[in-house]
């Protein structure tokens, strides 16, 4: 059985990142966008990173332009936007697709492991979140409307496991 640690992605600067480097740490994986109604969630995600990062949580942002073309910029532009406007210091990854034939293998796996409402595998919109436990398995999937500040109890449980 695969775990999140079996995957690799590119960081926002285009360097390969083996997710195995986070082995034993809970992950919050989020598909992000810079020009979305949910974009202010970057502040909440940064707060989770600040609050729980020292205890092991890793927040990973994956920009995606598949929903309303709300993240059309280059990786450099996206990284600068996140830093300047929200002080993002958690790892931002290179822009990817999360749906369709070109979906990143990580997102193919995430959506298989934690289908959405009524068993749908597709990501419905920006800021869909996946909480992965220390064992590398998906614990929970959250809708874009689930604000980062509402995830504390689940993150505490993932950290305690």
N, C-alpha and C. Protein backbone atom coordinates (compact mmCIF):
# COMPACT_ATOMS: atom_id res chain seq x y z
N UNK A 1 0.85 -1.18 0.00
CA UNK A 1 0.00 0.00 0.00
C UNK A 1 0.89 1.24 0.00
N UNK A 2 0.56 2.19 -0.84
CA UNK A 2 1.34 3.42 -0.94
C UNK A 2 1.07 4.32 0.26
N UNK A 3 2.04 5.18 0.53
CA UNK A 3 1.85 6.24 1.52
C UNK A 3 2.24 7.56 0.84
N UNK A 4 1.92 8.65 1.48
CA UNK A 4 2.28 9.96 0.93
C UNK A 4 3.80 10.07 0.75
N UNK A 5 4.54 9.32 1.55
CA UNK A 5 5.99 9.40 1.51
C UNK A 5 6.60 8.75 0.27
N UNK A 6 5.77 8.07 -0.53
CA UNK A 6 6.24 7.44 -1.76
C UNK A 6 6.30 8.42 -2.93
N UNK A 7 5.82 9.65 -2.72
CA UNK A 7 5.70 10.61 -3.81
C UNK A 7 6.79 11.67 -3.78
N UNK A 8 6.96 12.28 -4.93
CA UNK A 8 7.90 13.39 -5.09
C UNK A 8 7.16 14.51 -5.81
N UNK A 9 7.55 15.73 -5.52
CA UNK A 9 6.99 16.90 -6.20
C UNK A 9 8.10 17.92 -6.36
N UNK A 10 7.83 18.95 -7.14
CA UNK A 10 8.79 20.04 -7.29
C UNK A 10 8.40 21.17 -6.35
N UNK A 11 9.39 21.80 -5.73
CA UNK A 11 9.08 22.97 -4.92
C UNK A 11 8.86 24.16 -5.84
N UNK A 12 8.48 25.28 -5.27
CA UNK A 12 8.13 26.47 -6.05
C UNK A 12 9.30 26.97 -6.90
N UNK A 13 10.53 26.60 -6.52
CA UNK A 13 11.72 26.97 -7.29
C UNK A 13 12.09 25.92 -8.33
N UNK A 14 11.27 24.84 -8.41
CA UNK A 14 11.51 23.81 -9.41
C UNK A 14 12.45 22.70 -8.99
N UNK A 15 12.80 22.66 -7.69
CA UNK A 15 13.69 21.60 -7.19
C UNK A 15 12.87 20.39 -6.73
N UNK A 16 13.34 19.18 -7.01
CA UNK A 16 12.62 17.98 -6.57
C UNK A 16 12.60 17.87 -5.04
N UNK A 17 11.46 17.48 -4.52
CA UNK A 17 11.28 17.27 -3.08
C UNK A 17 10.68 15.89 -2.89
N UNK A 18 11.44 15.00 -2.27
CA UNK A 18 10.91 13.68 -1.92
C UNK A 18 10.08 13.85 -0.64
N UNK A 19 8.82 13.50 -0.70
CA UNK A 19 7.97 13.65 0.49
C UNK A 19 8.42 12.72 1.61
N UNK A 20 9.29 11.76 1.28
CA UNK A 20 9.86 10.88 2.31
C UNK A 20 10.63 11.68 3.35
N UNK A 21 11.10 12.88 3.00
CA UNK A 21 11.82 13.69 3.99
C UNK A 21 10.92 14.11 5.14
N UNK A 22 9.60 14.00 4.96
CA UNK A 22 8.66 14.37 6.02
C UNK A 22 8.14 13.14 6.78
N UNK A 23 8.76 12.00 6.56
CA UNK A 23 8.29 10.75 7.17
C UNK A 23 8.12 10.91 8.67
N UNK A 24 6.98 10.44 9.18
CA UNK A 24 6.68 10.51 10.60
C UNK A 24 6.06 11.83 11.03
N UNK A 25 5.84 12.75 10.09
CA UNK A 25 5.25 14.04 10.41
C UNK A 25 3.89 14.15 9.72
N UNK A 26 2.87 14.64 10.42
CA UNK A 26 1.59 14.87 9.75
C UNK A 26 1.74 15.98 8.70
N UNK A 27 0.98 15.84 7.62
CA UNK A 27 1.00 16.82 6.54
C UNK A 27 -0.40 17.36 6.32
N UNK A 28 -0.48 18.64 6.02
CA UNK A 28 -1.72 19.25 5.54
C UNK A 28 -1.42 19.72 4.12
N UNK A 29 -2.02 19.04 3.15
CA UNK A 29 -1.76 19.29 1.74
C UNK A 29 -2.96 20.04 1.16
N UNK A 30 -2.68 21.18 0.51
CA UNK A 30 -3.74 22.08 0.07
C UNK A 30 -3.47 22.53 -1.36
N UNK A 31 -4.48 22.45 -2.23
CA UNK A 31 -4.34 23.07 -3.55
C UNK A 31 -4.77 24.53 -3.42
N UNK A 32 -3.89 25.43 -3.79
CA UNK A 32 -4.07 26.86 -3.53
C UNK A 32 -4.27 27.65 -4.82
N UNK A 33 -4.69 28.89 -4.66
CA UNK A 33 -4.81 29.83 -5.78
C UNK A 33 -4.65 31.24 -5.23
N UNK A 34 -4.06 32.11 -6.03
CA UNK A 34 -3.74 33.47 -5.59
C UNK A 34 -4.87 34.46 -5.81
N UNK A 35 -5.87 34.13 -6.63
CA UNK A 35 -6.93 35.09 -6.96
C UNK A 35 -8.31 34.45 -6.79
N UNK A 36 -8.52 33.82 -5.65
CA UNK A 36 -9.74 33.09 -5.37
C UNK A 36 -10.42 33.70 -4.15
N UNK A 37 -11.70 33.52 -4.04
CA UNK A 37 -12.41 33.99 -2.85
C UNK A 37 -11.88 33.35 -1.57
N UNK A 38 -11.24 32.18 -1.70
CA UNK A 38 -10.69 31.49 -0.53
C UNK A 38 -9.22 31.84 -0.29
N UNK A 39 -8.62 32.67 -1.14
CA UNK A 39 -7.21 33.02 -1.01
C UNK A 39 -6.84 33.52 0.39
N UNK A 40 -7.72 34.26 1.09
CA UNK A 40 -7.36 34.67 2.46
C UNK A 40 -7.08 33.50 3.40
N UNK A 41 -7.43 32.27 3.00
CA UNK A 41 -7.09 31.11 3.83
C UNK A 41 -5.58 30.93 3.96
N UNK A 42 -4.80 31.56 3.08
CA UNK A 42 -3.34 31.50 3.26
C UNK A 42 -2.96 31.96 4.66
N UNK A 43 -3.64 32.98 5.18
CA UNK A 43 -3.33 33.48 6.53
C UNK A 43 -3.59 32.40 7.57
N UNK A 44 -4.70 31.70 7.45
CA UNK A 44 -5.01 30.62 8.38
C UNK A 44 -4.05 29.45 8.25
N UNK A 45 -3.66 29.13 7.03
CA UNK A 45 -2.68 28.05 6.82
C UNK A 45 -1.34 28.42 7.43
N UNK A 46 -0.94 29.69 7.27
CA UNK A 46 0.31 30.14 7.89
C UNK A 46 0.21 30.06 9.41
N UNK A 47 -0.96 30.39 9.95
CA UNK A 47 -1.14 30.31 11.40
C UNK A 47 -1.02 28.87 11.89
N UNK A 48 -1.58 27.91 11.13
CA UNK A 48 -1.42 26.50 11.48
C UNK A 48 0.06 26.11 11.45
N UNK A 49 0.76 26.57 10.43
CA UNK A 49 2.20 26.30 10.32
C UNK A 49 2.94 26.86 11.53
N UNK A 50 2.62 28.08 11.92
CA UNK A 50 3.28 28.69 13.08
C UNK A 50 2.93 27.98 14.38
N UNK A 51 1.66 27.59 14.52
CA UNK A 51 1.18 26.97 15.76
C UNK A 51 1.68 25.53 15.93
N UNK A 52 1.64 24.75 14.86
CA UNK A 52 1.90 23.32 14.98
C UNK A 52 3.20 22.85 14.32
N UNK A 53 3.87 23.72 13.58
CA UNK A 53 5.08 23.30 12.86
C UNK A 53 6.17 22.76 13.77
N UNK A 54 6.38 23.40 14.90
CA UNK A 54 7.42 22.94 15.82
C UNK A 54 7.10 21.58 16.42
N UNK A 55 5.82 21.22 16.41
CA UNK A 55 5.40 19.91 16.92
C UNK A 55 5.36 18.85 15.81
N UNK A 56 5.65 19.26 14.58
CA UNK A 56 5.77 18.27 13.51
C UNK A 56 4.90 18.49 12.29
N UNK A 57 3.85 19.30 12.38
CA UNK A 57 2.98 19.47 11.21
C UNK A 57 3.73 20.17 10.08
N UNK A 58 3.52 19.66 8.87
CA UNK A 58 4.05 20.30 7.66
C UNK A 58 2.86 20.69 6.79
N UNK A 59 2.73 21.96 6.49
CA UNK A 59 1.73 22.45 5.54
C UNK A 59 2.41 22.54 4.19
N UNK A 60 1.78 21.96 3.16
CA UNK A 60 2.31 22.01 1.80
C UNK A 60 1.27 22.63 0.89
N UNK A 61 1.60 23.74 0.25
CA UNK A 61 0.70 24.40 -0.69
C UNK A 61 1.05 24.04 -2.12
N UNK A 62 0.05 23.62 -2.88
CA UNK A 62 0.22 23.26 -4.28
C UNK A 62 -0.63 24.18 -5.14
N UNK A 63 -0.04 25.23 -5.71
CA UNK A 63 -0.82 26.12 -6.58
C UNK A 63 -1.42 25.35 -7.75
N UNK A 64 -2.62 25.77 -8.15
CA UNK A 64 -3.33 25.11 -9.24
C UNK A 64 -4.14 26.17 -9.98
N UNK A 65 -4.13 26.10 -11.29
CA UNK A 65 -4.84 27.07 -12.12
C UNK A 65 -6.05 26.44 -12.81
N UNK A 66 -6.53 25.30 -12.30
CA UNK A 66 -7.61 24.58 -12.97
C UNK A 66 -9.00 25.10 -12.63
N UNK A 67 -9.14 25.98 -11.67
CA UNK A 67 -10.45 26.43 -11.23
C UNK A 67 -10.59 27.92 -11.50
N UNK A 68 -11.29 28.26 -12.54
CA UNK A 68 -11.52 29.65 -12.88
C UNK A 68 -10.25 30.42 -13.24
N UNK A 69 -9.20 29.70 -13.61
CA UNK A 69 -7.90 30.34 -13.95
C UNK A 69 -7.49 31.34 -12.87
N UNK A 70 -7.57 30.91 -11.61
CA UNK A 70 -7.34 31.81 -10.49
C UNK A 70 -5.90 31.79 -9.97
N UNK A 71 -5.02 31.11 -10.69
CA UNK A 71 -3.59 31.17 -10.36
C UNK A 71 -2.77 31.11 -11.64
N UNK A 72 -2.91 32.16 -12.50
CA UNK A 72 -2.26 32.12 -13.81
C UNK A 72 -0.77 32.44 -13.80
N UNK A 73 -0.24 32.97 -12.70
CA UNK A 73 1.14 33.43 -12.66
C UNK A 73 2.15 32.30 -12.72
N UNK A 74 3.41 32.71 -12.86
CA UNK A 74 4.52 31.75 -12.83
C UNK A 74 4.74 31.32 -11.38
N UNK A 75 5.53 30.28 -11.20
CA UNK A 75 5.86 29.84 -9.84
C UNK A 75 6.52 30.97 -9.05
N UNK A 76 7.42 31.73 -9.70
CA UNK A 76 8.07 32.85 -9.01
C UNK A 76 7.05 33.90 -8.57
N UNK A 77 6.11 34.22 -9.46
CA UNK A 77 5.08 35.21 -9.12
C UNK A 77 4.19 34.71 -7.98
N UNK A 78 3.82 33.45 -8.02
CA UNK A 78 2.98 32.87 -6.97
C UNK A 78 3.70 32.91 -5.63
N UNK A 79 4.96 32.49 -5.63
CA UNK A 79 5.74 32.49 -4.39
C UNK A 79 5.86 33.89 -3.81
N UNK A 80 6.13 34.87 -4.66
CA UNK A 80 6.26 36.26 -4.19
C UNK A 80 4.92 36.77 -3.65
N UNK A 81 3.82 36.44 -4.32
CA UNK A 81 2.50 36.86 -3.87
C UNK A 81 2.20 36.30 -2.47
N UNK A 82 2.45 35.03 -2.29
CA UNK A 82 2.14 34.37 -1.01
C UNK A 82 2.97 34.96 0.12
N UNK A 83 4.24 35.22 -0.16
CA UNK A 83 5.12 35.78 0.86
C UNK A 83 4.72 37.22 1.19
N UNK A 84 4.54 38.03 0.16
CA UNK A 84 4.26 39.46 0.35
C UNK A 84 2.90 39.68 1.02
N UNK A 85 1.86 38.97 0.57
CA UNK A 85 0.51 39.25 1.03
C UNK A 85 0.09 38.48 2.27
N UNK A 86 0.71 37.31 2.50
CA UNK A 86 0.28 36.48 3.63
C UNK A 86 1.44 36.01 4.50
N UNK A 87 2.65 36.41 4.19
CA UNK A 87 3.80 36.01 4.99
C UNK A 87 4.02 34.51 5.01
N UNK A 88 3.64 33.84 3.93
CA UNK A 88 3.72 32.38 3.88
C UNK A 88 5.17 31.93 4.05
N UNK A 89 5.39 31.10 5.05
CA UNK A 89 6.72 30.54 5.27
C UNK A 89 6.71 29.01 5.20
N UNK A 90 5.51 28.43 5.04
CA UNK A 90 5.45 26.97 4.85
C UNK A 90 5.82 26.67 3.39
N UNK A 91 6.21 25.42 3.11
CA UNK A 91 6.65 25.08 1.75
C UNK A 91 5.54 25.24 0.71
N UNK A 92 5.84 26.02 -0.31
CA UNK A 92 4.98 26.11 -1.48
C UNK A 92 5.63 25.30 -2.59
N UNK A 93 4.82 24.55 -3.27
CA UNK A 93 5.31 23.67 -4.31
C UNK A 93 5.05 24.30 -5.68
N UNK A 94 5.58 23.70 -6.73
CA UNK A 94 5.35 24.17 -8.09
C UNK A 94 3.89 23.95 -8.46
N UNK A 95 3.39 24.78 -9.36
CA UNK A 95 2.02 24.68 -9.82
C UNK A 95 1.79 23.32 -10.49
N UNK A 96 0.64 22.73 -10.19
CA UNK A 96 0.29 21.41 -10.73
C UNK A 96 -1.17 21.40 -11.14
N UNK A 97 -1.56 20.33 -11.82
CA UNK A 97 -2.97 20.01 -12.04
C UNK A 97 -3.37 19.00 -10.97
N UNK A 98 -4.59 19.14 -10.47
CA UNK A 98 -5.09 18.22 -9.44
C UNK A 98 -6.20 17.32 -9.98
N UNK A 99 -6.70 17.62 -11.16
CA UNK A 99 -7.76 16.83 -11.80
C UNK A 99 -7.35 16.48 -13.23
N UNK A 100 -8.01 15.47 -13.78
CA UNK A 100 -7.82 15.12 -15.18
C UNK A 100 -6.63 14.23 -15.44
N UNK A 101 -6.39 14.02 -16.73
CA UNK A 101 -5.31 13.12 -17.16
C UNK A 101 -3.95 13.61 -16.70
N UNK A 102 -3.78 14.93 -16.57
CA UNK A 102 -2.50 15.49 -16.18
C UNK A 102 -2.36 15.72 -14.68
N UNK A 103 -3.30 15.18 -13.91
CA UNK A 103 -3.23 15.38 -12.45
C UNK A 103 -1.93 14.80 -11.90
N UNK A 104 -1.33 15.53 -10.98
CA UNK A 104 -0.10 15.06 -10.33
C UNK A 104 -0.38 13.72 -9.66
N UNK A 105 0.56 12.77 -9.73
CA UNK A 105 0.35 11.46 -9.09
C UNK A 105 -0.03 11.55 -7.61
N UNK A 106 0.52 12.53 -6.89
CA UNK A 106 0.15 12.70 -5.49
C UNK A 106 -1.35 12.94 -5.36
N UNK A 107 -1.88 13.81 -6.19
CA UNK A 107 -3.32 14.12 -6.12
C UNK A 107 -4.18 12.98 -6.63
N UNK A 108 -3.68 12.20 -7.57
CA UNK A 108 -4.40 11.00 -7.98
C UNK A 108 -4.55 10.07 -6.78
N UNK A 109 -3.48 9.92 -6.02
CA UNK A 109 -3.50 9.06 -4.85
C UNK A 109 -4.38 9.65 -3.75
N UNK A 110 -4.22 10.94 -3.45
CA UNK A 110 -5.01 11.58 -2.39
C UNK A 110 -6.51 11.41 -2.63
N UNK A 111 -6.94 11.65 -3.87
CA UNK A 111 -8.38 11.59 -4.16
C UNK A 111 -8.90 10.15 -4.17
N UNK A 112 -8.04 9.19 -4.47
CA UNK A 112 -8.44 7.78 -4.34
C UNK A 112 -8.59 7.40 -2.87
N UNK A 113 -7.64 7.86 -2.05
CA UNK A 113 -7.63 7.51 -0.63
C UNK A 113 -8.74 8.20 0.16
N UNK A 114 -9.11 9.40 -0.24
CA UNK A 114 -10.13 10.17 0.48
C UNK A 114 -11.07 10.84 -0.52
N UNK A 115 -12.02 10.06 -1.05
CA UNK A 115 -12.98 10.65 -1.98
C UNK A 115 -13.81 11.72 -1.29
N UNK A 116 -14.35 12.60 -2.11
CA UNK A 116 -15.19 13.67 -1.59
C UNK A 116 -16.63 13.22 -1.39
N UNK A 117 -17.49 14.19 -1.29
CA UNK A 117 -18.92 13.96 -1.09
C UNK A 117 -19.45 13.01 -2.15
N UNK A 118 -20.24 12.05 -1.73
CA UNK A 118 -20.85 11.05 -2.62
C UNK A 118 -19.82 10.23 -3.39
N UNK A 119 -18.61 10.13 -2.85
CA UNK A 119 -17.58 9.29 -3.45
C UNK A 119 -16.85 9.89 -4.63
N UNK A 120 -17.10 11.15 -4.92
CA UNK A 120 -16.42 11.78 -6.05
C UNK A 120 -14.92 11.88 -5.78
N UNK A 121 -14.15 11.61 -6.81
CA UNK A 121 -12.70 11.68 -6.65
C UNK A 121 -12.14 13.04 -7.05
N UNK A 122 -12.88 13.77 -7.86
CA UNK A 122 -12.39 15.06 -8.35
C UNK A 122 -12.28 16.09 -7.23
N UNK A 123 -11.29 16.97 -7.37
CA UNK A 123 -11.19 18.13 -6.51
C UNK A 123 -12.20 19.14 -7.06
N UNK A 124 -13.04 19.68 -6.20
CA UNK A 124 -14.10 20.57 -6.66
C UNK A 124 -13.65 22.01 -6.83
N UNK A 125 -12.68 22.48 -6.01
CA UNK A 125 -12.27 23.87 -6.09
C UNK A 125 -10.96 24.06 -5.35
N UNK A 126 -10.45 25.28 -5.42
CA UNK A 126 -9.23 25.65 -4.70
C UNK A 126 -9.43 25.48 -3.20
N UNK A 127 -8.34 25.22 -2.52
CA UNK A 127 -8.28 25.12 -1.06
C UNK A 127 -9.02 23.90 -0.50
N UNK A 128 -9.05 22.82 -1.30
CA UNK A 128 -9.42 21.51 -0.77
C UNK A 128 -8.19 21.05 0.02
N UNK A 129 -8.44 20.49 1.21
CA UNK A 129 -7.33 20.15 2.11
C UNK A 129 -7.36 18.66 2.44
N UNK A 130 -6.16 18.10 2.59
CA UNK A 130 -6.01 16.70 3.00
C UNK A 130 -5.08 16.66 4.21
N UNK A 131 -5.55 16.04 5.29
CA UNK A 131 -4.71 15.84 6.47
C UNK A 131 -4.18 14.41 6.41
N UNK A 132 -2.86 14.29 6.42
CA UNK A 132 -2.18 13.00 6.36
C UNK A 132 -1.53 12.75 7.71
N UNK A 133 -1.70 11.55 8.24
CA UNK A 133 -1.14 11.21 9.54
C UNK A 133 0.33 10.87 9.48
N UNK A 134 0.90 10.67 10.66
CA UNK A 134 2.32 10.32 10.77
C UNK A 134 2.67 9.03 10.02
N UNK A 135 1.65 8.18 9.82
CA UNK A 135 1.85 6.91 9.11
C UNK A 135 1.83 7.08 7.60
N UNK A 136 1.61 8.32 7.13
CA UNK A 136 1.60 8.56 5.69
C UNK A 136 0.27 8.30 5.02
N UNK A 137 -0.75 7.97 5.80
CA UNK A 137 -2.09 7.70 5.26
C UNK A 137 -3.00 8.91 5.45
N UNK A 138 -3.94 9.09 4.51
CA UNK A 138 -4.88 10.20 4.61
C UNK A 138 -5.84 9.96 5.76
N UNK A 139 -5.92 10.94 6.65
CA UNK A 139 -6.85 10.88 7.77
C UNK A 139 -8.19 11.51 7.44
N UNK A 140 -8.15 12.64 6.68
CA UNK A 140 -9.39 13.36 6.42
C UNK A 140 -9.22 14.30 5.23
N UNK A 141 -10.32 14.50 4.53
CA UNK A 141 -10.39 15.46 3.42
C UNK A 141 -11.34 16.58 3.85
N UNK A 142 -10.97 17.81 3.53
CA UNK A 142 -11.77 18.98 3.91
C UNK A 142 -12.16 19.76 2.66
N UNK A 143 -13.35 20.30 2.68
CA UNK A 143 -13.85 21.12 1.59
C UNK A 143 -13.17 22.49 1.59
N UNK A 144 -13.21 23.18 0.46
CA UNK A 144 -12.65 24.54 0.41
C UNK A 144 -13.27 25.47 1.45
N UNK A 145 -14.52 25.24 1.79
CA UNK A 145 -15.20 26.10 2.77
C UNK A 145 -14.77 25.83 4.20
N UNK A 146 -14.07 24.72 4.45
CA UNK A 146 -13.55 24.43 5.79
C UNK A 146 -12.34 25.32 6.04
N UNK A 147 -12.49 26.25 6.96
CA UNK A 147 -11.42 27.20 7.23
C UNK A 147 -10.28 26.52 8.00
N UNK A 148 -9.05 26.92 7.72
CA UNK A 148 -7.90 26.30 8.42
C UNK A 148 -8.05 26.34 9.94
N UNK A 149 -8.59 27.43 10.48
CA UNK A 149 -8.71 27.53 11.94
C UNK A 149 -9.67 26.50 12.54
N UNK A 150 -10.48 25.85 11.69
CA UNK A 150 -11.40 24.82 12.20
C UNK A 150 -10.76 23.43 12.26
N UNK A 151 -9.51 23.31 11.84
CA UNK A 151 -8.86 22.00 11.74
C UNK A 151 -8.04 21.64 12.97
N UNK A 152 -7.95 22.53 13.94
CA UNK A 152 -7.07 22.33 15.08
C UNK A 152 -7.26 21.01 15.81
N UNK A 153 -8.50 20.63 16.07
CA UNK A 153 -8.75 19.39 16.81
C UNK A 153 -8.23 18.17 16.04
N UNK A 154 -8.47 18.15 14.73
CA UNK A 154 -7.99 17.03 13.91
C UNK A 154 -6.46 17.03 13.83
N UNK A 155 -5.86 18.21 13.75
CA UNK A 155 -4.40 18.29 13.71
C UNK A 155 -3.81 17.82 15.05
N UNK A 156 -4.42 18.24 16.13
CA UNK A 156 -3.98 17.76 17.47
C UNK A 156 -4.01 16.24 17.53
N UNK A 157 -5.09 15.63 17.01
CA UNK A 157 -5.21 14.18 17.03
C UNK A 157 -4.13 13.53 16.16
N UNK A 158 -3.85 14.13 15.01
CA UNK A 158 -2.81 13.59 14.12
C UNK A 158 -1.43 13.70 14.78
N UNK A 159 -1.21 14.79 15.49
CA UNK A 159 0.08 14.96 16.18
C UNK A 159 0.23 13.99 17.33
N UNK A 160 -0.88 13.66 17.98
CA UNK A 160 -0.85 12.77 19.15
C UNK A 160 -0.73 11.30 18.75
N UNK A 161 -1.11 10.98 17.52
CA UNK A 161 -1.14 9.57 17.08
C UNK A 161 0.27 9.02 16.91
